[in-house]
Amino acid sequence: MKLFLNILLFGSLSLSAFSVYAEEALDEKEILAQRGNGTVTQKAFTARADRIPADIRFSTLRNGNRLRDLINNMLLRAQMAADAKAAGFDKEPIVVDRMQLAADQELADAWLQHYVASQPEADYEQLARETFELQKESMLSSPKIDVSHILISTSERSDEDALLLADSVHQRIMENPASFDELAIEYSEDPSVSSNKGSFTKVSKGDMVKRFEDAAFALQVGDISAPVKTEYGYHIIRLDGYYEPEMMTFEEVKAQLIKSERDKHRDRIKRDYMESLTSLDVEMTEAQLTEMVRRQFGEEYIRTEAGEEDSE
């Protein structure tokens, strides 16, 4: 916990001396953070956290960087709001109406979230099984490869020197491809070379650095690449094996399918509810519409429009 708090408070959050603008004093335990005239209370933070989807809320709040950004953003808004209150700006009629509009939006969003969550759940595992049976022919694993490489690192030599050495090693391999493994042990600066001789088996896309991965998957089995530059240095890559995508079992895709079915179920509930509201007739008289136009564009606009209609 101490380490977590240190991560959170490091950098832009400062809880040093401050003056607090507030309508009434807050109990210290009800305050989460303060900066200048801005205060973030525990209740306000709980309300903000409630807007984070439940399935990622815990991981979001446990992430020090995200938590720090969240509190800093709340503090910034609190500081601006405090300045606005100090200036009496919160009493301006249009601002009062905008605050009510924002409150209605928050209420509507919270209600929709509550409405969806309160509806009966479906049997997601059964739905997932049905989807799997219908689509299992297309549920394939990603292709995998066996790959070997020799890394000439740029951590302790210049880029130019690393490339010269990589080109030299590559030339020797092209003259005698069978020397690849021997040269990997001699020259590769990948820390794992002592245990795996530079070889990795059944590697999927996403497991490797992007430029290395693109080069490796572009090779044919047995091919050896020219030096490929990554953030680690220059790699000479040999493709040792390729595994075609295979049909996955239900257990392999179960968690993903259940999540998909849950999301689709909740989207249907939300869509049906929204459609039930928007399908109702809109009640708005011509006089009401005219009054809106008058307030937005002015009396002169109303007279001008009326004059143009008469002339027609």
Protein backbone atom coordinates (compact mmCIF):
# COMPACT_ATOMS: atom_id res chain seq x y z
CA MET A 1 0.00 0.00 0.00
CA LYS A 2 2.84 2.41 0.86
CA LEU A 3 4.47 1.80 -2.51
CA PHE A 4 1.12 2.31 -4.26
CA LEU A 5 0.67 5.68 -2.54
CA ASN A 6 4.22 6.70 -3.41
CA ILE A 7 3.53 5.96 -7.08
CA LEU A 8 0.32 7.95 -6.91
CA LEU A 9 1.73 11.01 -5.17
CA PHE A 10 4.98 11.18 -7.13
CA GLY A 11 5.17 14.08 -9.57
CA SER A 12 2.33 16.47 -10.20
CA LEU A 13 0.21 15.84 -7.10
CA SER A 14 1.25 18.09 -4.26
CA LEU A 15 -0.43 18.14 -0.89
CA SER A 16 1.59 20.98 0.60
CA ALA A 17 0.21 24.19 2.15
CA PHE A 18 -2.98 25.45 0.49
CA SER A 19 -6.04 27.62 0.94
CA VAL A 20 -9.37 25.95 0.35
CA TYR A 21 -12.38 27.67 -1.11
CA ALA A 22 -15.45 25.87 0.14
CA GLU A 23 -18.90 26.82 1.28
CA GLU A 24 -18.32 24.95 4.52
CA ALA A 25 -15.39 23.25 6.16
CA LEU A 26 -14.94 19.56 5.39
CA ASP A 27 -13.91 16.88 7.82
CA GLU A 28 -10.32 15.98 7.02
CA LYS A 29 -11.17 12.32 6.41
CA GLU A 30 -13.69 13.39 3.76
CA ILE A 31 -10.94 15.09 1.72
CA LEU A 32 -9.01 13.03 -0.82
CA ALA A 33 -6.77 15.70 -2.36
CA GLN A 34 -6.41 19.46 -2.55
CA ARG A 35 -4.47 21.86 -4.74
CA GLY A 36 -4.76 25.61 -4.56
CA ASN A 37 -8.44 26.38 -4.14
CA GLY A 38 -9.51 23.01 -5.51
CA THR A 39 -10.72 20.14 -3.36
CA VAL A 40 -11.57 16.58 -4.38
CA THR A 41 -13.65 14.86 -1.74
CA GLN A 42 -13.94 11.15 -1.13
CA LYS A 43 -17.60 11.31 -2.18
CA ALA A 44 -16.77 13.14 -5.40
CA PHE A 45 -14.08 10.59 -6.25
CA THR A 46 -16.45 7.70 -5.53
CA ALA A 47 -18.99 9.29 -7.87
CA ARG A 48 -16.33 9.69 -10.58
CA ALA A 49 -15.08 6.13 -10.10
CA ASP A 50 -18.65 4.89 -10.51
CA ARG A 51 -18.55 6.17 -14.09
CA ILE A 52 -15.75 3.72 -14.92
CA PRO A 53 -17.18 0.44 -16.29
CA ALA A 54 -17.38 -2.10 -13.48
CA ASP A 55 -15.30 -4.71 -15.31
CA ILE A 56 -12.23 -2.42 -15.56
CA ARG A 57 -12.77 -0.20 -12.50
CA PHE A 58 -10.50 -2.16 -10.16
CA SER A 59 -7.62 -2.41 -12.64
CA THR A 60 -7.96 1.28 -13.53
CA LEU A 61 -7.83 2.44 -9.93
CA ARG A 62 -4.92 0.09 -9.18
CA ASN A 63 -2.91 1.63 -12.01
CA GLY A 64 -0.80 4.38 -10.42
CA ASN A 65 -0.48 6.47 -13.59
CA ARG A 66 -4.17 6.32 -14.45
CA LEU A 67 -5.18 7.08 -10.88
CA ARG A 68 -2.83 10.05 -10.71
CA ASP A 69 -4.20 11.41 -14.02
CA LEU A 70 -7.76 10.94 -12.82
CA ILE A 71 -7.18 12.84 -9.57
CA ASN A 72 -5.22 15.57 -11.33
CA ASN A 73 -8.05 16.10 -13.83
CA MET A 74 -10.57 16.27 -10.99
CA LEU A 75 -8.36 18.74 -9.13
CA LEU A 76 -8.06 20.95 -12.21
CA ARG A 77 -11.83 21.07 -12.62
CA ALA A 78 -12.26 21.67 -8.88
CA GLN A 79 -9.80 24.59 -9.02
CA MET A 80 -11.61 26.20 -11.97
CA ALA A 81 -14.98 25.63 -10.29
CA ALA A 82 -13.68 27.22 -7.08
CA ASP A 83 -12.50 30.26 -9.03
CA ALA A 84 -15.89 30.47 -10.75
CA LYS A 85 -17.71 30.34 -7.40
CA ALA A 86 -15.39 32.94 -5.90
CA ALA A 87 -16.26 35.25 -8.80
CA GLY A 88 -19.99 34.58 -8.39
CA PHE A 89 -20.07 33.08 -11.89
CA ASP A 90 -22.09 30.09 -10.67
CA LYS A 91 -25.02 32.46 -10.08
CA GLU A 92 -25.24 33.60 -13.72
CA PRO A 93 -28.65 32.46 -15.07
CA ILE A 94 -27.26 30.73 -18.15
CA VAL A 95 -24.60 28.98 -16.04
CA VAL A 96 -27.26 27.80 -13.60
CA ASP A 97 -29.17 26.33 -16.54
CA ARG A 98 -26.04 24.70 -17.94
CA MET A 99 -25.30 23.12 -14.56
CA GLN A 100 -28.84 21.74 -14.48
CA LEU A 101 -28.32 20.41 -18.01
CA ALA A 102 -25.11 18.69 -16.87
CA ALA A 103 -26.90 17.26 -13.82
CA ASP A 104 -29.67 15.86 -16.04
CA GLN A 105 -27.06 14.28 -18.32
CA GLU A 106 -25.31 12.63 -15.37
CA LEU A 107 -28.64 11.41 -14.01
CA ALA A 108 -29.64 9.98 -17.39
CA ASP A 109 -26.27 8.23 -17.84
CA ALA A 110 -26.38 6.79 -14.31
CA TRP A 111 -29.97 5.65 -14.78
CA LEU A 112 -29.20 3.92 -18.07
CA GLN A 113 -26.27 2.13 -16.47
CA HIS A 114 -28.48 1.08 -13.56
CA TYR A 115 -31.34 0.03 -15.83
CA VAL A 116 -29.13 -2.24 -17.92
CA ALA A 117 -27.44 -3.76 -14.86
CA SER A 118 -30.79 -4.45 -13.17
CA GLN A 119 -32.21 -6.52 -16.03
CA PRO A 120 -32.11 -10.34 -15.83
CA GLU A 121 -28.87 -11.92 -16.98
CA ALA A 122 -28.82 -14.47 -19.79
CA ASP A 123 -27.15 -17.87 -19.75
CA TYR A 124 -23.97 -16.56 -21.28
CA GLU A 125 -22.12 -19.87 -21.28
CA GLN A 126 -24.93 -21.55 -23.19
CA LEU A 127 -25.04 -18.68 -25.68
CA ALA A 128 -21.27 -18.95 -26.02
CA ARG A 129 -21.53 -22.68 -26.76
CA GLU A 130 -24.19 -22.04 -29.40
CA THR A 131 -22.03 -19.37 -31.03
CA PHE A 132 -19.06 -21.71 -30.95
CA GLU A 133 -20.98 -24.51 -32.67
CA LEU A 134 -22.16 -22.14 -35.38
CA GLN A 135 -18.81 -20.48 -35.97
CA LYS A 136 -16.17 -22.98 -34.84
CA GLU A 137 -14.86 -23.45 -38.38
CA SER A 138 -13.74 -19.82 -38.32
CA MET A 139 -12.34 -19.86 -34.78
CA LEU A 140 -8.72 -20.45 -35.59
CA SER A 141 -5.58 -19.88 -33.60
CA SER A 142 -3.06 -17.38 -34.89
CA PRO A 143 -0.20 -18.79 -36.98
CA LYS A 144 2.99 -19.59 -35.08
CA ILE A 145 6.61 -19.81 -36.07
CA ASP A 146 9.89 -21.26 -34.87
CA VAL A 147 12.53 -18.59 -35.27
CA SER A 148 16.21 -18.10 -34.51
CA HIS A 149 18.14 -14.86 -34.44
CA ILE A 150 21.53 -13.29 -33.85
CA LEU A 151 21.41 -9.92 -32.09
CA ILE A 152 24.14 -7.36 -32.55
CA SER A 153 23.31 -4.89 -29.79
CA THR A 154 23.52 -1.10 -30.01
CA SER A 155 23.53 -0.67 -26.25
CA GLU A 156 27.33 -0.39 -26.01
CA ARG A 157 28.34 0.44 -29.59
CA SER A 158 27.27 2.98 -32.15
CA ASP A 159 24.55 2.20 -34.65
CA GLU A 160 27.11 2.37 -37.45
CA ASP A 161 29.49 -0.08 -35.77
CA ALA A 162 26.60 -2.45 -34.95
CA LEU A 163 25.45 -2.46 -38.57
CA LEU A 164 28.98 -3.09 -39.87
CA LEU A 165 29.36 -6.09 -37.56
CA ALA A 166 25.87 -7.39 -38.40
CA ASP A 167 26.61 -7.12 -42.13
CA SER A 168 29.89 -8.99 -41.62
CA VAL A 169 28.19 -11.82 -39.69
CA HIS A 170 25.37 -11.96 -42.24
CA GLN A 171 27.87 -12.30 -45.10
CA ARG A 172 29.56 -15.22 -43.35
CA ILE A 173 26.18 -16.91 -42.87
CA MET A 174 25.26 -16.44 -46.53
CA GLU A 175 28.54 -18.09 -47.51
CA ASN A 176 27.79 -21.01 -45.17
CA PRO A 177 24.14 -21.11 -43.87
CA ALA A 178 25.00 -24.11 -41.67
CA SER A 179 27.21 -21.84 -39.57
CA PHE A 180 24.19 -19.86 -38.26
CA ASP A 181 23.92 -21.70 -34.93
CA GLU A 182 27.66 -21.55 -34.31
CA LEU A 183 27.79 -17.83 -35.10
CA ALA A 184 24.74 -17.21 -32.91
CA ILE A 185 26.60 -18.60 -29.90
CA GLU A 186 29.72 -16.60 -30.84
CA TYR A 187 28.20 -13.23 -31.69
CA SER A 188 24.61 -12.92 -30.45
CA GLU A 189 24.14 -10.51 -27.55
CA ASP A 190 20.65 -11.69 -26.67
CA PRO A 191 20.93 -12.58 -22.94
CA SER A 192 19.01 -15.80 -23.55
CA VAL A 193 21.40 -17.16 -26.17
CA SER A 194 23.33 -19.24 -23.63
CA SER A 195 20.21 -21.26 -22.83
CA ASN A 196 18.34 -21.37 -26.16
CA LYS A 197 21.11 -20.72 -28.72
CA GLY A 198 19.00 -17.91 -30.14
CA SER A 199 16.01 -20.09 -30.98
CA PHE A 200 12.37 -19.57 -30.01
CA THR A 201 9.56 -22.03 -30.73
CA LYS A 202 5.89 -21.53 -31.53
CA VAL A 203 5.97 -17.76 -31.35
CA SER A 204 2.74 -15.89 -32.15
CA LYS A 205 2.21 -12.42 -33.53
CA GLY A 206 2.31 -9.95 -30.69
CA ASP A 207 5.00 -11.89 -28.82
CA MET A 208 7.84 -10.05 -30.53
CA VAL A 209 8.95 -6.51 -31.31
CA LYS A 210 6.91 -5.30 -34.30
CA ARG A 211 9.74 -4.84 -36.81
CA PHE A 212 11.28 -8.20 -35.84
CA GLU A 213 7.89 -9.84 -36.10
CA ASP A 214 7.10 -8.37 -39.53
CA ALA A 215 10.45 -9.53 -40.90
CA ALA A 216 10.18 -13.00 -39.39
CA PHE A 217 6.66 -13.71 -40.66
CA ALA A 218 7.64 -12.50 -44.14
CA LEU A 219 10.29 -15.22 -44.47
CA GLN A 220 9.88 -18.69 -45.93
CA VAL A 221 11.05 -21.64 -43.84
CA GLY A 222 14.82 -21.83 -44.11
CA ASP A 223 15.20 -18.21 -45.22
CA ILE A 224 17.67 -15.93 -43.46
CA SER A 225 17.04 -12.19 -43.36
CA ALA A 226 19.40 -9.29 -43.87
CA PRO A 227 20.04 -7.36 -40.63
CA VAL A 228 16.76 -5.99 -39.23
CA LYS A 229 16.91 -2.88 -37.01
CA THR A 230 14.92 -2.72 -33.77
CA GLU A 231 15.30 -0.74 -30.56
CA TYR A 232 17.68 -3.44 -29.32
CA GLY A 233 20.04 -3.42 -32.28
CA TYR A 234 20.36 -5.46 -35.49
CA HIS A 235 18.89 -8.95 -35.82
CA ILE A 236 19.78 -11.61 -38.35
CA ILE A 237 16.68 -13.81 -38.45
CA ARG A 238 16.18 -17.38 -39.63
CA LEU A 239 12.73 -18.91 -39.98
CA ASP A 240 12.92 -22.50 -38.74
CA GLY A 241 9.26 -23.54 -38.85
CA TYR A 242 5.74 -22.35 -39.61
CA TYR A 243 2.53 -23.62 -38.02
CA GLU A 244 -0.75 -23.04 -39.81
CA PRO A 245 -3.71 -21.74 -37.78
CA GLU A 246 -5.61 -24.53 -36.04
CA MET A 247 -9.22 -24.83 -34.97
CA MET A 248 -9.50 -23.91 -31.30
CA THR A 249 -11.48 -25.81 -28.68
CA PHE A 250 -14.42 -24.30 -26.81
CA GLU A 251 -12.35 -24.09 -23.64
CA GLU A 252 -9.75 -22.00 -25.44
CA VAL A 253 -12.30 -19.41 -26.56
CA LYS A 254 -14.84 -19.78 -23.75
CA ALA A 255 -13.89 -16.66 -21.76
CA GLN A 256 -13.77 -14.49 -24.88
CA LEU A 257 -17.13 -15.76 -26.15
CA ILE A 258 -18.84 -15.33 -22.77
CA LYS A 259 -17.66 -11.72 -22.61
CA SER A 260 -18.88 -11.14 -26.16
CA GLU A 261 -22.31 -12.61 -25.39
CA ARG A 262 -22.59 -10.54 -22.19
CA ASP A 263 -21.72 -7.37 -24.11
CA LYS A 264 -24.21 -8.17 -26.87
CA HIS A 265 -26.96 -8.93 -24.33
CA ARG A 266 -26.44 -5.63 -22.54
CA ASP A 267 -26.27 -3.74 -25.83
CA ARG A 268 -29.63 -5.24 -26.80
CA ILE A 269 -31.19 -4.17 -23.50
CA LYS A 270 -29.82 -0.65 -23.91
CA ARG A 271 -30.95 -0.43 -27.55
CA ASP A 272 -34.46 -1.72 -26.81
CA TYR A 273 -34.89 0.70 -23.92
CA MET A 274 -33.67 3.67 -25.95
CA GLU A 275 -35.96 2.72 -28.83
CA SER A 276 -38.93 2.49 -26.45
CA LEU A 277 -38.28 6.11 -25.46
CA THR A 278 -37.55 7.55 -28.89
CA SER A 279 -40.58 5.83 -30.44
CA LEU A 280 -42.91 8.07 -28.41
CA ASP A 281 -44.49 11.01 -30.22
CA VAL A 282 -42.77 14.38 -29.88
CA GLU A 283 -45.09 17.05 -28.54
CA MET A 284 -44.10 20.54 -29.69
CA THR A 285 -46.43 23.27 -30.86
CA GLU A 286 -45.65 25.88 -33.47
CA ALA A 287 -45.83 28.54 -30.76
CA GLN A 288 -43.23 26.71 -28.68
CA LEU A 289 -40.92 26.38 -31.68
CA THR A 290 -41.39 30.06 -32.51
CA GLU A 291 -40.51 31.02 -28.95
CA MET A 292 -37.29 28.99 -29.18
CA VAL A 293 -36.38 30.74 -32.43
CA ARG A 294 -37.15 34.12 -30.85
CA ARG A 295 -34.83 33.43 -27.92
CA GLN A 296 -32.02 32.11 -30.09
CA PHE A 297 -32.15 34.55 -33.02
CA GLY A 298 -34.09 37.56 -31.76
CA GLU A 299 -37.34 39.37 -32.54
CA GLU A 300 -35.92 40.96 -35.70
CA TYR A 301 -35.28 37.53 -37.18
CA ILE A 302 -38.89 36.51 -36.50
CA ARG A 303 -40.20 39.64 -38.24
CA THR A 304 -37.84 39.17 -41.20
CA GLU A 305 -38.89 35.55 -41.64
CA ALA A 306 -42.54 36.49 -41.36
CA GLY A 307 -42.07 39.26 -43.96
CA GLU A 308 -40.43 36.88 -46.41
CA GLU A 309 -43.27 34.39 -46.03
CA ASP A 310 -45.85 37.16 -46.67
CA SER A 311 -44.03 38.31 -49.81
CA GLU A 312 -44.14 34.81 -51.18
